[in-house]
Amino acid sequence: MQDIRATVRQYILDNFLMGNEEAYADDASFMDAQLLDSTGFLELVQFLEETYGIKVEDMEMMPDNLDSLVAVEQFVLRKLAA
């Protein structure tokens, strides 16, 4: 499987930073860095569902699961293992 962090980083770069190679740490909060807004998080969820064949439940849409590259990677790995 392709590296989840790299895939999600590229998705954010292409869709939210418009190719601007702005560097941000893997554990940096998307909200604090103002990379994603509420619509952006919904788009990220759709991307994750389509890319990894997972279903993100409403109750799982929380910062602990989706607010950084590290959190997204851990969340996707848990969903794939289930």
N, C-alpha and C. Protein backbone atom coordinates (compact mmCIF):
# COMPACT_ATOMS: atom_id res chain seq x y z
N MET A 1 0.85 -1.19 0.00
CA MET A 1 0.00 0.00 0.00
C MET A 1 0.89 1.24 0.00
N GLN A 2 0.48 2.20 -0.77
CA GLN A 2 1.21 3.46 -0.84
C GLN A 2 1.19 4.15 0.52
N ASP A 3 2.23 4.90 0.82
CA ASP A 3 2.34 5.60 2.08
C ASP A 3 1.16 6.56 2.28
N ILE A 4 0.40 6.34 3.33
CA ILE A 4 -0.82 7.13 3.58
C ILE A 4 -0.48 8.60 3.78
N ARG A 5 0.53 8.88 4.60
CA ARG A 5 0.89 10.28 4.84
C ARG A 5 1.24 11.01 3.56
N ALA A 6 2.05 10.37 2.73
CA ALA A 6 2.47 11.00 1.48
C ALA A 6 1.28 11.22 0.56
N THR A 7 0.38 10.27 0.50
CA THR A 7 -0.80 10.38 -0.35
C THR A 7 -1.70 11.52 0.11
N VAL A 8 -1.95 11.60 1.42
CA VAL A 8 -2.81 12.65 1.95
C VAL A 8 -2.12 14.02 1.83
N ARG A 9 -0.81 14.07 2.08
CA ARG A 9 -0.07 15.33 1.91
C ARG A 9 -0.21 15.83 0.46
N GLN A 10 -0.06 14.93 -0.50
CA GLN A 10 -0.17 15.32 -1.90
C GLN A 10 -1.59 15.79 -2.22
N TYR A 11 -2.58 15.13 -1.66
CA TYR A 11 -3.98 15.54 -1.86
C TYR A 11 -4.20 16.96 -1.33
N ILE A 12 -3.70 17.23 -0.14
CA ILE A 12 -3.86 18.57 0.44
C ILE A 12 -3.09 19.60 -0.38
N LEU A 13 -1.90 19.26 -0.80
CA LEU A 13 -1.10 20.15 -1.63
C LEU A 13 -1.83 20.49 -2.93
N ASP A 14 -2.38 19.48 -3.59
CA ASP A 14 -3.05 19.68 -4.87
C ASP A 14 -4.38 20.40 -4.75
N ASN A 15 -5.13 20.14 -3.67
CA ASN A 15 -6.50 20.63 -3.59
C ASN A 15 -6.72 21.82 -2.68
N PHE A 16 -5.83 22.04 -1.73
CA PHE A 16 -6.05 23.14 -0.79
C PHE A 16 -4.93 24.16 -0.81
N LEU A 17 -3.72 23.74 -1.14
CA LEU A 17 -2.60 24.68 -1.22
C LEU A 17 -2.29 25.06 -2.66
N MET A 18 -3.06 24.51 -3.58
CA MET A 18 -2.95 24.81 -5.00
C MET A 18 -1.50 24.71 -5.51
N GLY A 19 -0.83 23.66 -5.04
CA GLY A 19 0.53 23.41 -5.50
C GLY A 19 1.60 24.20 -4.78
N ASN A 20 1.21 25.10 -3.87
CA ASN A 20 2.18 25.86 -3.09
C ASN A 20 2.89 24.89 -2.16
N GLU A 21 4.18 24.73 -2.33
CA GLU A 21 4.95 23.73 -1.58
C GLU A 21 5.19 24.14 -0.13
N GLU A 22 4.20 24.75 0.49
CA GLU A 22 4.32 25.17 1.88
C GLU A 22 4.56 23.95 2.76
N ALA A 23 5.61 24.03 3.57
CA ALA A 23 5.95 22.91 4.43
C ALA A 23 5.16 22.99 5.74
N TYR A 24 4.69 21.87 6.19
CA TYR A 24 4.05 21.78 7.49
C TYR A 24 4.37 20.41 8.07
N ALA A 25 4.48 20.37 9.38
CA ALA A 25 4.87 19.14 10.07
C ALA A 25 3.75 18.11 9.98
N ASP A 26 4.14 16.85 10.03
CA ASP A 26 3.17 15.76 9.96
C ASP A 26 2.15 15.81 11.09
N ASP A 27 2.55 16.36 12.24
CA ASP A 27 1.63 16.43 13.37
C ASP A 27 0.99 17.81 13.54
N ALA A 28 1.18 18.70 12.57
CA ALA A 28 0.58 20.04 12.62
C ALA A 28 -0.93 19.95 12.39
N SER A 29 -1.66 20.69 13.18
CA SER A 29 -3.12 20.71 13.06
C SER A 29 -3.54 21.41 11.77
N PHE A 30 -4.39 20.74 10.99
CA PHE A 30 -4.92 21.35 9.77
C PHE A 30 -5.74 22.60 10.12
N MET A 31 -6.47 22.56 11.24
CA MET A 31 -7.29 23.70 11.64
C MET A 31 -6.42 24.86 12.10
N ASP A 32 -5.44 24.58 12.95
CA ASP A 32 -4.58 25.65 13.46
C ASP A 32 -3.79 26.32 12.34
N ALA A 33 -3.36 25.53 11.37
CA ALA A 33 -2.61 26.07 10.23
C ALA A 33 -3.53 26.65 9.16
N GLN A 34 -4.83 26.55 9.38
CA GLN A 34 -5.85 27.04 8.46
C GLN A 34 -5.70 26.43 7.06
N LEU A 35 -5.34 25.13 7.05
CA LEU A 35 -5.25 24.41 5.79
C LEU A 35 -6.61 23.92 5.32
N LEU A 36 -7.46 23.53 6.28
CA LEU A 36 -8.78 23.01 5.95
C LEU A 36 -9.85 23.72 6.77
N ASP A 37 -10.98 23.97 6.12
CA ASP A 37 -12.15 24.46 6.84
C ASP A 37 -13.16 23.31 6.89
N SER A 38 -14.38 23.58 7.32
CA SER A 38 -15.36 22.49 7.47
C SER A 38 -15.63 21.79 6.14
N THR A 39 -15.73 22.53 5.07
CA THR A 39 -15.94 21.93 3.75
C THR A 39 -14.72 21.11 3.35
N GLY A 40 -13.54 21.62 3.66
CA GLY A 40 -12.31 20.90 3.36
C GLY A 40 -12.24 19.56 4.05
N PHE A 41 -12.70 19.52 5.31
CA PHE A 41 -12.70 18.24 6.02
C PHE A 41 -13.67 17.26 5.38
N LEU A 42 -14.81 17.73 4.91
CA LEU A 42 -15.74 16.83 4.22
C LEU A 42 -15.13 16.30 2.93
N GLU A 43 -14.40 17.16 2.22
CA GLU A 43 -13.72 16.72 1.00
C GLU A 43 -12.63 15.70 1.33
N LEU A 44 -11.90 15.93 2.43
CA LEU A 44 -10.88 14.99 2.86
C LEU A 44 -11.50 13.64 3.19
N VAL A 45 -12.62 13.64 3.89
CA VAL A 45 -13.31 12.40 4.23
C VAL A 45 -13.71 11.66 2.96
N GLN A 46 -14.26 12.35 1.99
CA GLN A 46 -14.65 11.72 0.73
C GLN A 46 -13.43 11.12 0.04
N PHE A 47 -12.32 11.86 0.03
CA PHE A 47 -11.08 11.36 -0.56
C PHE A 47 -10.62 10.08 0.13
N LEU A 48 -10.64 10.08 1.46
CA LEU A 48 -10.21 8.90 2.20
C LEU A 48 -11.11 7.70 1.91
N GLU A 49 -12.41 7.93 1.87
CA GLU A 49 -13.35 6.84 1.59
C GLU A 49 -13.11 6.26 0.20
N GLU A 50 -12.91 7.13 -0.78
CA GLU A 50 -12.71 6.66 -2.16
C GLU A 50 -11.34 6.02 -2.34
N THR A 51 -10.32 6.58 -1.73
CA THR A 51 -8.95 6.10 -1.92
C THR A 51 -8.69 4.80 -1.20
N TYR A 52 -9.22 4.67 0.02
CA TYR A 52 -8.90 3.51 0.85
C TYR A 52 -10.06 2.55 1.04
N GLY A 53 -11.20 2.84 0.44
CA GLY A 53 -12.34 1.93 0.53
C GLY A 53 -12.87 1.78 1.94
N ILE A 54 -12.82 2.86 2.70
CA ILE A 54 -13.32 2.84 4.08
C ILE A 54 -14.58 3.69 4.16
N LYS A 55 -15.30 3.54 5.26
CA LYS A 55 -16.48 4.36 5.54
C LYS A 55 -16.19 5.12 6.82
N VAL A 56 -16.22 6.45 6.72
CA VAL A 56 -16.01 7.31 7.88
C VAL A 56 -17.39 7.66 8.43
N GLU A 57 -17.66 7.17 9.63
CA GLU A 57 -18.95 7.43 10.27
C GLU A 57 -18.97 8.86 10.81
N ASP A 58 -20.18 9.41 10.96
CA ASP A 58 -20.33 10.77 11.47
C ASP A 58 -19.61 10.95 12.80
N MET A 59 -19.74 9.97 13.69
CA MET A 59 -19.13 10.10 15.02
C MET A 59 -17.60 10.01 14.97
N GLU A 60 -17.04 9.58 13.83
CA GLU A 60 -15.58 9.50 13.68
C GLU A 60 -14.98 10.79 13.12
N MET A 61 -15.83 11.71 12.70
CA MET A 61 -15.36 12.97 12.13
C MET A 61 -15.02 13.94 13.25
N MET A 62 -13.84 13.72 13.83
CA MET A 62 -13.39 14.53 14.96
C MET A 62 -11.90 14.80 14.79
N PRO A 63 -11.41 15.84 15.43
CA PRO A 63 -9.99 16.19 15.29
C PRO A 63 -9.03 15.06 15.62
N ASP A 64 -9.37 14.24 16.60
CA ASP A 64 -8.48 13.13 16.96
C ASP A 64 -8.20 12.21 15.77
N ASN A 65 -9.12 12.15 14.82
CA ASN A 65 -8.97 11.27 13.67
C ASN A 65 -8.50 11.99 12.40
N LEU A 66 -8.78 13.28 12.28
CA LEU A 66 -8.64 13.93 10.98
C LEU A 66 -7.89 15.25 10.97
N ASP A 67 -7.25 15.65 12.07
CA ASP A 67 -6.70 17.01 12.12
C ASP A 67 -5.20 17.12 11.88
N SER A 68 -4.57 16.06 11.43
CA SER A 68 -3.15 16.13 11.05
C SER A 68 -2.84 14.92 10.18
N LEU A 69 -1.69 14.97 9.53
CA LEU A 69 -1.30 13.82 8.71
C LEU A 69 -1.11 12.57 9.57
N VAL A 70 -0.53 12.75 10.75
CA VAL A 70 -0.33 11.61 11.65
C VAL A 70 -1.68 11.03 12.07
N ALA A 71 -2.61 11.90 12.46
CA ALA A 71 -3.93 11.43 12.90
C ALA A 71 -4.66 10.72 11.77
N VAL A 72 -4.61 11.26 10.57
CA VAL A 72 -5.28 10.63 9.42
C VAL A 72 -4.67 9.27 9.14
N GLU A 73 -3.36 9.19 9.15
CA GLU A 73 -2.70 7.92 8.88
C GLU A 73 -3.11 6.86 9.91
N GLN A 74 -3.07 7.21 11.19
CA GLN A 74 -3.44 6.25 12.23
C GLN A 74 -4.91 5.84 12.10
N PHE A 75 -5.77 6.81 11.78
CA PHE A 75 -7.19 6.52 11.62
C PHE A 75 -7.42 5.56 10.45
N VAL A 76 -6.81 5.84 9.31
CA VAL A 76 -6.99 4.97 8.14
C VAL A 76 -6.46 3.57 8.44
N LEU A 77 -5.32 3.48 9.08
CA LEU A 77 -4.77 2.16 9.42
C LEU A 77 -5.70 1.38 10.34
N ARG A 78 -6.32 2.06 11.32
CA ARG A 78 -7.29 1.39 12.20
C ARG A 78 -8.50 0.92 11.40
N LYS A 79 -8.99 1.76 10.50
CA LYS A 79 -10.17 1.39 9.71
C LYS A 79 -9.84 0.20 8.80
N LEU A 80 -8.67 0.19 8.20
CA LEU A 80 -8.30 -0.90 7.31
C LEU A 80 -8.11 -2.21 8.06
N ALA A 81 -7.66 -2.12 9.31
CA ALA A 81 -7.43 -3.31 10.12
C ALA A 81 -8.73 -3.90 10.64
N ALA A 82 -9.78 -3.09 10.71
CA ALA A 82 -11.06 -3.55 11.27
C ALA A 82 -11.79 -4.48 10.33
